[in-house]
Amino acid sequence: EMLLPYQLSSKLVTKSPTTSTQVENVCGACMLIRRDVFEELGGFDERFFLYYEEIDFCMRANKKGYKIYYNPHIEIVHYGSKSLEGNYEHFFYNLYINKLRLIQKHYNKYFFFVSYLIVLFGILLRVSISFVLGIFTFKSDLLKLSKSLILVLKKVARILN
């Protein structure tokens, strides 16, 4: 997922079953949670800003033995990433940093370190591809993306210091 363009990678990790089925997690924009379960699990972890708070919640619910279901018969339209639309730096920073927070919270330090290196490499790859494509296609939005990703790379690289 980290090594592909975001538009492609997000489709690879998002599945929509055609029948009501048990799943590992669901999108936070369309979760229905019993209040007693929400309170028992301590709600959403406030360290996650915008991304991965629902995955963290679902992981904690799974560990406690709760089941999570996806119902394809309920239709909800979620216009994803609208709160940070056009602000590549904040979007990608929150996406990557919260992905790493989730891994650090739920997995061992070795898995986290390998994941951290993959995230850094993925950002570097996206910087390179967006820069080269921006140059050859004369698209300023790709050059803006490249610049934003460089700033994100610097911030994410500092988290181990």
N, C-alpha and C. Protein backbone atom coordinates (compact mmCIF):
# COMPACT_ATOMS: atom_id res chain seq x y z
N GLU A 1 0.82 -1.20 0.00
CA GLU A 1 0.00 0.00 0.00
C GLU A 1 0.86 1.26 0.00
N MET A 2 1.94 1.26 0.76
CA MET A 2 2.78 2.46 0.88
C MET A 2 3.59 2.75 -0.38
N LEU A 3 3.71 1.80 -1.25
CA LEU A 3 4.59 1.98 -2.40
C LEU A 3 3.83 2.28 -3.69
N LEU A 4 2.53 2.46 -3.59
CA LEU A 4 1.70 2.75 -4.76
C LEU A 4 1.13 4.15 -4.68
N PRO A 5 0.70 4.71 -5.79
CA PRO A 5 0.03 6.01 -5.73
C PRO A 5 -1.19 5.93 -4.80
N TYR A 6 -1.43 7.00 -4.05
CA TYR A 6 -2.48 6.99 -3.03
C TYR A 6 -3.85 6.59 -3.60
N GLN A 7 -4.21 7.11 -4.77
CA GLN A 7 -5.52 6.80 -5.35
C GLN A 7 -5.68 5.30 -5.61
N LEU A 8 -4.60 4.64 -5.96
CA LEU A 8 -4.64 3.20 -6.20
C LEU A 8 -4.56 2.42 -4.90
N SER A 9 -3.67 2.82 -4.01
CA SER A 9 -3.47 2.07 -2.77
C SER A 9 -4.70 2.12 -1.88
N SER A 10 -5.40 3.25 -1.85
CA SER A 10 -6.59 3.33 -1.00
C SER A 10 -7.68 2.37 -1.48
N LYS A 11 -7.74 2.14 -2.78
CA LYS A 11 -8.73 1.18 -3.32
C LYS A 11 -8.34 -0.26 -2.99
N LEU A 12 -7.06 -0.53 -2.88
CA LEU A 12 -6.60 -1.88 -2.57
C LEU A 12 -6.92 -2.29 -1.14
N VAL A 13 -6.92 -1.33 -0.23
CA VAL A 13 -7.15 -1.65 1.18
C VAL A 13 -8.59 -1.45 1.60
N THR A 14 -9.44 -0.99 0.69
CA THR A 14 -10.85 -0.76 0.99
C THR A 14 -11.69 -1.79 0.25
N LYS A 15 -12.43 -2.56 1.02
CA LYS A 15 -13.29 -3.58 0.41
C LYS A 15 -14.73 -3.32 0.84
N SER A 16 -15.66 -3.60 -0.05
CA SER A 16 -17.08 -3.45 0.24
C SER A 16 -17.79 -4.76 -0.09
N PRO A 17 -17.96 -5.63 0.90
CA PRO A 17 -18.63 -6.91 0.64
C PRO A 17 -20.06 -6.69 0.12
N THR A 18 -20.57 -7.66 -0.60
CA THR A 18 -21.92 -7.55 -1.17
C THR A 18 -22.99 -8.10 -0.24
N THR A 19 -22.59 -8.80 0.81
CA THR A 19 -23.55 -9.30 1.80
C THR A 19 -23.10 -8.83 3.18
N SER A 20 -24.03 -8.80 4.10
CA SER A 20 -23.70 -8.43 5.47
C SER A 20 -22.72 -9.46 6.01
N THR A 21 -21.58 -8.97 6.47
CA THR A 21 -20.52 -9.90 6.89
C THR A 21 -19.67 -9.30 8.00
N GLN A 22 -19.03 -10.18 8.77
CA GLN A 22 -18.12 -9.73 9.81
C GLN A 22 -16.82 -9.27 9.16
N VAL A 23 -16.30 -8.13 9.63
CA VAL A 23 -15.08 -7.55 9.08
C VAL A 23 -14.13 -7.17 10.22
N GLU A 24 -12.90 -6.82 9.86
CA GLU A 24 -11.92 -6.38 10.86
C GLU A 24 -12.19 -4.96 11.34
N ASN A 25 -12.59 -4.09 10.41
CA ASN A 25 -12.88 -2.70 10.77
C ASN A 25 -13.78 -2.07 9.71
N VAL A 26 -14.33 -0.93 10.06
CA VAL A 26 -15.17 -0.16 9.14
C VAL A 26 -14.76 1.30 9.20
N CYS A 27 -15.19 2.05 8.22
CA CYS A 27 -14.89 3.48 8.15
C CYS A 27 -15.58 4.21 9.30
N GLY A 28 -14.85 5.09 9.94
CA GLY A 28 -15.39 5.83 11.08
C GLY A 28 -16.54 6.75 10.72
N ALA A 29 -16.63 7.13 9.46
CA ALA A 29 -17.70 8.04 9.03
C ALA A 29 -19.07 7.37 9.06
N CYS A 30 -19.09 6.05 9.14
CA CYS A 30 -20.38 5.36 9.11
C CYS A 30 -20.46 4.24 10.15
N MET A 31 -19.89 4.48 11.31
CA MET A 31 -19.94 3.49 12.38
C MET A 31 -21.17 3.71 13.26
N LEU A 32 -21.78 2.63 13.64
CA LEU A 32 -22.81 2.66 14.68
C LEU A 32 -22.28 1.82 15.82
N ILE A 33 -22.15 2.44 16.99
CA ILE A 33 -21.54 1.77 18.14
C ILE A 33 -22.49 1.89 19.33
N ARG A 34 -22.70 0.78 20.00
CA ARG A 34 -23.49 0.85 21.23
C ARG A 34 -22.75 1.71 22.25
N ARG A 35 -23.47 2.56 22.95
CA ARG A 35 -22.86 3.48 23.90
C ARG A 35 -22.06 2.74 24.98
N ASP A 36 -22.61 1.65 25.51
CA ASP A 36 -21.91 0.94 26.57
C ASP A 36 -20.58 0.36 26.08
N VAL A 37 -20.55 -0.10 24.84
CA VAL A 37 -19.31 -0.62 24.26
C VAL A 37 -18.31 0.52 24.05
N PHE A 38 -18.80 1.63 23.52
CA PHE A 38 -17.94 2.80 23.30
C PHE A 38 -17.29 3.25 24.61
N GLU A 39 -18.10 3.32 25.67
CA GLU A 39 -17.58 3.74 26.97
C GLU A 39 -16.64 2.70 27.57
N GLU A 40 -16.99 1.42 27.43
CA GLU A 40 -16.12 0.36 27.95
C GLU A 40 -14.73 0.41 27.32
N LEU A 41 -14.69 0.70 26.03
CA LEU A 41 -13.41 0.73 25.31
C LEU A 41 -12.71 2.08 25.41
N GLY A 42 -13.32 3.03 26.11
CA GLY A 42 -12.68 4.33 26.31
C GLY A 42 -12.81 5.26 25.13
N GLY A 43 -13.76 5.00 24.25
CA GLY A 43 -13.99 5.88 23.10
C GLY A 43 -12.83 5.84 22.12
N PHE A 44 -12.73 6.90 21.34
CA PHE A 44 -11.64 7.01 20.37
C PHE A 44 -10.40 7.55 21.06
N ASP A 45 -9.26 7.03 20.69
CA ASP A 45 -7.98 7.50 21.22
C ASP A 45 -7.69 8.86 20.59
N GLU A 46 -7.59 9.88 21.43
CA GLU A 46 -7.43 11.25 20.94
C GLU A 46 -6.06 11.52 20.32
N ARG A 47 -5.13 10.59 20.42
CA ARG A 47 -3.83 10.78 19.77
C ARG A 47 -3.93 10.66 18.25
N PHE A 48 -5.03 10.05 17.78
CA PHE A 48 -5.23 9.90 16.34
C PHE A 48 -6.10 11.06 15.85
N PHE A 49 -5.52 11.91 15.02
CA PHE A 49 -6.25 13.05 14.49
C PHE A 49 -6.60 12.78 13.04
N LEU A 50 -7.86 12.62 12.76
CA LEU A 50 -8.43 12.43 11.43
C LEU A 50 -8.32 11.03 10.85
N TYR A 51 -7.25 10.34 11.04
CA TYR A 51 -7.08 9.04 10.38
C TYR A 51 -6.67 7.97 11.37
N TYR A 52 -7.21 6.79 11.18
CA TYR A 52 -6.88 5.57 11.91
C TYR A 52 -7.50 5.46 13.30
N GLU A 53 -8.27 6.45 13.75
CA GLU A 53 -8.92 6.33 15.04
C GLU A 53 -9.97 5.21 15.02
N GLU A 54 -10.63 5.03 13.87
CA GLU A 54 -11.64 3.97 13.80
C GLU A 54 -10.99 2.59 13.72
N ILE A 55 -9.84 2.51 13.09
CA ILE A 55 -9.14 1.22 13.01
C ILE A 55 -8.62 0.84 14.40
N ASP A 56 -8.07 1.81 15.12
CA ASP A 56 -7.63 1.56 16.48
C ASP A 56 -8.81 1.10 17.34
N PHE A 57 -9.94 1.78 17.23
CA PHE A 57 -11.13 1.40 18.01
C PHE A 57 -11.56 -0.02 17.66
N CYS A 58 -11.61 -0.33 16.38
CA CYS A 58 -12.02 -1.67 15.95
C CYS A 58 -11.04 -2.74 16.42
N MET A 59 -9.75 -2.43 16.40
CA MET A 59 -8.75 -3.39 16.88
C MET A 59 -8.96 -3.67 18.37
N ARG A 60 -9.24 -2.62 19.14
CA ARG A 60 -9.49 -2.80 20.57
C ARG A 60 -10.79 -3.58 20.80
N ALA A 61 -11.80 -3.30 19.99
CA ALA A 61 -13.07 -4.03 20.10
C ALA A 61 -12.87 -5.50 19.77
N ASN A 62 -12.12 -5.80 18.71
CA ASN A 62 -11.83 -7.19 18.34
C ASN A 62 -11.11 -7.92 19.47
N LYS A 63 -10.14 -7.24 20.09
CA LYS A 63 -9.38 -7.87 21.19
C LYS A 63 -10.26 -8.19 22.38
N LYS A 64 -11.32 -7.40 22.57
CA LYS A 64 -12.26 -7.63 23.68
C LYS A 64 -13.34 -8.64 23.30
N GLY A 65 -13.31 -9.12 22.06
CA GLY A 65 -14.26 -10.14 21.64
C GLY A 65 -15.51 -9.61 20.95
N TYR A 66 -15.57 -8.31 20.73
CA TYR A 66 -16.72 -7.75 20.01
C TYR A 66 -16.60 -8.05 18.52
N LYS A 67 -17.72 -8.18 17.87
CA LYS A 67 -17.74 -8.45 16.44
C LYS A 67 -18.13 -7.17 15.70
N ILE A 68 -17.53 -6.98 14.55
CA ILE A 68 -17.77 -5.80 13.72
C ILE A 68 -18.36 -6.28 12.41
N TYR A 69 -19.44 -5.66 12.01
CA TYR A 69 -20.12 -6.07 10.78
C TYR A 69 -20.21 -4.92 9.80
N TYR A 70 -20.15 -5.28 8.54
CA TYR A 70 -20.37 -4.34 7.44
C TYR A 70 -21.72 -4.70 6.83
N ASN A 71 -22.58 -3.70 6.65
CA ASN A 71 -23.90 -3.92 6.06
C ASN A 71 -23.98 -3.16 4.74
N PRO A 72 -23.97 -3.87 3.62
CA PRO A 72 -23.98 -3.20 2.31
C PRO A 72 -25.35 -2.63 1.93
N HIS A 73 -26.36 -2.94 2.73
CA HIS A 73 -27.71 -2.47 2.41
C HIS A 73 -27.98 -1.07 2.95
N ILE A 74 -27.06 -0.54 3.73
CA ILE A 74 -27.16 0.83 4.24
C ILE A 74 -26.23 1.69 3.40
N GLU A 75 -26.76 2.76 2.85
CA GLU A 75 -25.94 3.60 1.98
C GLU A 75 -25.62 4.92 2.66
N ILE A 76 -24.33 5.19 2.76
CA ILE A 76 -23.84 6.43 3.34
C ILE A 76 -22.82 7.00 2.36
N VAL A 77 -22.94 8.26 2.04
CA VAL A 77 -21.97 8.90 1.16
C VAL A 77 -20.97 9.65 2.03
N HIS A 78 -19.70 9.26 1.91
CA HIS A 78 -18.63 9.92 2.67
C HIS A 78 -17.68 10.56 1.67
N TYR A 79 -17.63 11.86 1.71
CA TYR A 79 -16.71 12.59 0.84
C TYR A 79 -15.38 12.67 1.57
N GLY A 80 -14.58 11.63 1.43
CA GLY A 80 -13.33 11.49 2.16
C GLY A 80 -12.33 12.60 1.91
N SER A 81 -11.60 12.93 2.96
CA SER A 81 -10.49 13.89 2.93
C SER A 81 -10.91 15.31 2.59
N LYS A 82 -12.14 15.67 2.78
CA LYS A 82 -12.60 17.03 2.47
C LYS A 82 -12.09 18.04 3.50
N SER A 83 -11.84 17.60 4.73
CA SER A 83 -11.39 18.54 5.76
C SER A 83 -9.98 19.05 5.48
N LEU A 84 -9.20 18.33 4.71
CA LEU A 84 -7.84 18.76 4.38
C LEU A 84 -7.64 18.89 2.88
N GLU A 85 -8.71 19.01 2.15
CA GLU A 85 -8.64 19.05 0.69
C GLU A 85 -7.70 20.15 0.20
N GLY A 86 -6.79 19.76 -0.66
CA GLY A 86 -5.85 20.72 -1.23
C GLY A 86 -4.63 20.97 -0.37
N ASN A 87 -4.66 20.58 0.89
CA ASN A 87 -3.52 20.76 1.77
C ASN A 87 -2.78 19.44 1.88
N TYR A 88 -1.98 19.15 0.87
CA TYR A 88 -1.28 17.87 0.79
C TYR A 88 -0.43 17.59 2.02
N GLU A 89 0.26 18.62 2.49
CA GLU A 89 1.18 18.40 3.60
C GLU A 89 0.44 17.90 4.84
N HIS A 90 -0.63 18.56 5.23
CA HIS A 90 -1.37 18.14 6.42
C HIS A 90 -2.06 16.80 6.20
N PHE A 91 -2.60 16.60 5.01
CA PHE A 91 -3.26 15.32 4.70
C PHE A 91 -2.29 14.16 4.86
N PHE A 92 -1.17 14.21 4.13
CA PHE A 92 -0.24 13.10 4.15
C PHE A 92 0.48 12.96 5.50
N TYR A 93 0.77 14.09 6.15
CA TYR A 93 1.41 13.99 7.46
C TYR A 93 0.50 13.25 8.43
N ASN A 94 -0.76 13.65 8.52
CA ASN A 94 -1.69 12.98 9.43
C ASN A 94 -1.90 11.53 9.05
N LEU A 95 -1.96 11.26 7.77
CA LEU A 95 -2.13 9.89 7.30
C LEU A 95 -0.95 9.01 7.74
N TYR A 96 0.26 9.45 7.46
CA TYR A 96 1.44 8.64 7.77
C TYR A 96 1.72 8.56 9.27
N ILE A 97 1.62 9.69 9.96
CA ILE A 97 1.96 9.70 11.38
C ILE A 97 0.97 8.85 12.18
N ASN A 98 -0.30 8.88 11.78
CA ASN A 98 -1.28 8.08 12.50
C ASN A 98 -1.18 6.60 12.15
N LYS A 99 -0.77 6.31 10.92
CA LYS A 99 -0.51 4.91 10.56
C LYS A 99 0.61 4.37 11.44
N LEU A 100 1.65 5.17 11.63
CA LEU A 100 2.76 4.74 12.48
C LEU A 100 2.35 4.66 13.95
N ARG A 101 1.53 5.59 14.41
CA ARG A 101 1.03 5.53 15.80
C ARG A 101 0.24 4.24 16.03
N LEU A 102 -0.59 3.90 15.06
CA LEU A 102 -1.39 2.68 15.17
C LEU A 102 -0.49 1.45 15.27
N ILE A 103 0.51 1.38 14.41
CA ILE A 103 1.44 0.25 14.42
C ILE A 103 2.22 0.21 15.73
N GLN A 104 2.68 1.36 16.18
CA GLN A 104 3.44 1.42 17.42
C GLN A 104 2.59 0.99 18.62
N LYS A 105 1.31 1.33 18.58
CA LYS A 105 0.41 1.00 19.69
C LYS A 105 0.07 -0.50 19.73
N HIS A 106 -0.09 -1.11 18.59
CA HIS A 106 -0.63 -2.48 18.55
C HIS A 106 0.38 -3.57 18.20
N TYR A 107 1.59 -3.20 17.80
CA TYR A 107 2.57 -4.21 17.38
C TYR A 107 3.89 -3.99 18.12
N ASN A 108 4.82 -4.94 17.99
CA ASN A 108 6.09 -4.82 18.69
C ASN A 108 7.02 -3.82 18.01
N LYS A 109 8.11 -3.50 18.70
CA LYS A 109 9.01 -2.44 18.23
C LYS A 109 9.73 -2.81 16.93
N TYR A 110 9.93 -4.10 16.68
CA TYR A 110 10.59 -4.52 15.44
C TYR A 110 9.67 -4.32 14.24
N PHE A 111 8.42 -4.69 14.41
CA PHE A 111 7.43 -4.48 13.35
C PHE A 111 7.27 -2.99 13.08
N PHE A 112 7.25 -2.20 14.15
CA PHE A 112 7.15 -0.75 14.00
C PHE A 112 8.34 -0.20 13.22
N PHE A 113 9.55 -0.63 13.57
CA PHE A 113 10.74 -0.10 12.90
C PHE A 113 10.74 -0.42 11.41
N VAL A 114 10.40 -1.66 11.06
CA VAL A 114 10.32 -2.04 9.65
C VAL A 114 9.24 -1.21 8.95
N SER A 115 8.10 -1.05 9.60
CA SER A 115 7.01 -0.25 9.03
C SER A 115 7.44 1.20 8.84
N TYR A 116 8.16 1.73 9.81
CA TYR A 116 8.68 3.09 9.73
C TYR A 116 9.58 3.26 8.50
N LEU A 117 10.46 2.31 8.28
CA LEU A 117 11.35 2.38 7.11
C LEU A 117 10.55 2.30 5.80
N ILE A 118 9.52 1.45 5.78
CA ILE A 118 8.67 1.34 4.59
C ILE A 118 7.92 2.64 4.34
N VAL A 119 7.43 3.26 5.41
CA VAL A 119 6.73 4.55 5.26
C VAL A 119 7.68 5.60 4.69
N LEU A 120 8.89 5.69 5.24
CA LEU A 120 9.86 6.66 4.73
C LEU A 120 10.19 6.40 3.26
N PHE A 121 10.42 5.15 2.92
CA PHE A 121 10.71 4.79 1.54
C PHE A 121 9.52 5.12 0.64
N GLY A 122 8.31 4.82 1.10
CA GLY A 122 7.10 5.12 0.32
C GLY A 122 6.94 6.61 0.06
N ILE A 123 7.22 7.43 1.08
CA ILE A 123 7.13 8.89 0.89
C ILE A 123 8.18 9.33 -0.12
N LEU A 124 9.40 8.84 0.04
CA LEU A 124 10.47 9.19 -0.89
C LEU A 124 10.13 8.79 -2.32
N LEU A 125 9.54 7.63 -2.48
CA LEU A 125 9.12 7.16 -3.80
C LEU A 125 8.05 8.09 -4.38
N ARG A 126 7.08 8.47 -3.56
CA ARG A 126 6.02 9.38 -4.02
C ARG A 126 6.57 10.77 -4.35
N VAL A 127 7.55 11.23 -3.58
CA VAL A 127 8.20 12.51 -3.90
C VAL A 127 8.82 12.43 -5.29
N SER A 128 9.59 11.38 -5.51
CA SER A 128 10.30 11.22 -6.79
C SER A 128 9.34 11.12 -7.97
N ILE A 129 8.32 10.29 -7.83
CA ILE A 129 7.38 10.09 -8.93
C ILE A 129 6.59 11.36 -9.22
N SER A 130 6.09 12.02 -8.19
CA SER A 130 5.31 13.24 -8.43
C SER A 130 6.18 14.35 -9.02
N PHE A 131 7.45 14.42 -8.60
CA PHE A 131 8.34 15.44 -9.15
C PHE A 131 8.62 15.18 -10.63
N VAL A 132 8.99 13.95 -10.95
CA VAL A 132 9.30 13.61 -12.34
C VAL A 132 8.07 13.78 -13.24
N LEU A 133 6.93 13.30 -12.79
CA LEU A 133 5.70 13.48 -13.58
C LEU A 133 5.33 14.95 -13.73
N GLY A 134 5.52 15.70 -12.66
CA GLY A 134 5.23 17.14 -12.71
C GLY A 134 6.10 17.86 -13.72
N ILE A 135 7.37 17.50 -13.78
CA ILE A 135 8.30 18.11 -14.73
C ILE A 135 7.91 17.76 -16.17
N PHE A 136 7.65 16.48 -16.42
CA PHE A 136 7.39 16.04 -17.79
C PHE A 136 5.98 16.36 -18.30
N THR A 137 5.03 16.52 -17.39
CA THR A 137 3.66 16.82 -17.82
C THR A 137 3.30 18.28 -17.63
N PHE A 138 4.22 19.07 -17.06
CA PHE A 138 3.99 20.49 -16.80
C PHE A 138 2.79 20.72 -15.89
N LYS A 139 2.56 19.80 -14.95
CA LYS A 139 1.44 19.94 -14.02
C LYS A 139 1.96 20.47 -12.69
N SER A 140 1.57 21.69 -12.38
CA SER A 140 2.05 22.33 -11.16
C SER A 140 1.53 21.66 -9.90
N ASP A 141 0.34 21.01 -9.98
CA ASP A 141 -0.18 20.34 -8.78
C ASP A 141 0.70 19.16 -8.37
N LEU A 142 1.32 18.50 -9.34
CA LEU A 142 2.24 17.40 -9.02
C LEU A 142 3.53 17.93 -8.38
N LEU A 143 3.98 19.07 -8.84
CA LEU A 143 5.17 19.69 -8.23
C LEU A 143 4.84 20.17 -6.81
N LYS A 144 3.63 20.69 -6.63
CA LYS A 144 3.19 21.11 -5.29
C LYS A 144 3.11 19.89 -4.37
N LEU A 145 2.60 18.79 -4.89
CA LEU A 145 2.53 17.55 -4.12
C LEU A 145 3.93 17.09 -3.73
N SER A 146 4.85 17.13 -4.66
CA SER A 146 6.23 16.72 -4.40
C SER A 146 6.83 17.57 -3.28
N LYS A 147 6.64 18.86 -3.36
CA LYS A 147 7.17 19.78 -2.34
C LYS A 147 6.55 19.48 -0.97
N SER A 148 5.24 19.26 -0.95
CA SER A 148 4.55 18.95 0.31
C SER A 148 5.05 17.64 0.90
N LEU A 149 5.27 16.66 0.04
CA LEU A 149 5.75 15.36 0.51
C LEU A 149 7.16 15.44 1.07
N ILE A 150 7.98 16.33 0.53
CA ILE A 150 9.33 16.53 1.09
C ILE A 150 9.21 17.05 2.52
N LEU A 151 8.30 18.00 2.75
CA LEU A 151 8.09 18.53 4.10
C LEU A 151 7.56 17.44 5.04
N VAL A 152 6.68 16.61 4.53
CA VAL A 152 6.14 15.49 5.32
C VAL A 152 7.26 14.50 5.64
N LEU A 153 8.09 14.20 4.66
CA LEU A 153 9.21 13.28 4.87
C LEU A 153 10.11 13.79 5.99
N LYS A 154 10.41 15.07 6.00
CA LYS A 154 11.25 15.65 7.06
C LYS A 154 10.61 15.50 8.44
N LYS A 155 9.30 15.75 8.51
CA LYS A 155 8.59 15.64 9.80
C LYS A 155 8.51 14.19 10.27
N VAL A 156 8.18 13.29 9.36
CA VAL A 156 8.05 11.88 9.75
C VAL A 156 9.42 11.31 10.11
N ALA A 157 10.46 11.73 9.43
CA ALA A 157 11.81 11.23 9.72
C ALA A 157 12.27 11.63 11.13
N ARG A 158 11.72 12.70 11.66
CA ARG A 158 12.11 13.19 12.98
C ARG A 158 11.46 12.43 14.13
N ILE A 159 10.46 11.61 13.88
CA ILE A 159 9.73 11.03 15.01
C ILE A 159 10.54 10.04 15.82
N LEU A 160 11.59 9.48 15.27
CA LEU A 160 12.44 8.56 16.05
C LEU A 160 13.50 9.29 16.86
N ASN A 161 13.68 10.57 16.63
CA ASN A 161 14.69 11.33 17.38
C ASN A 161 14.24 11.61 18.79
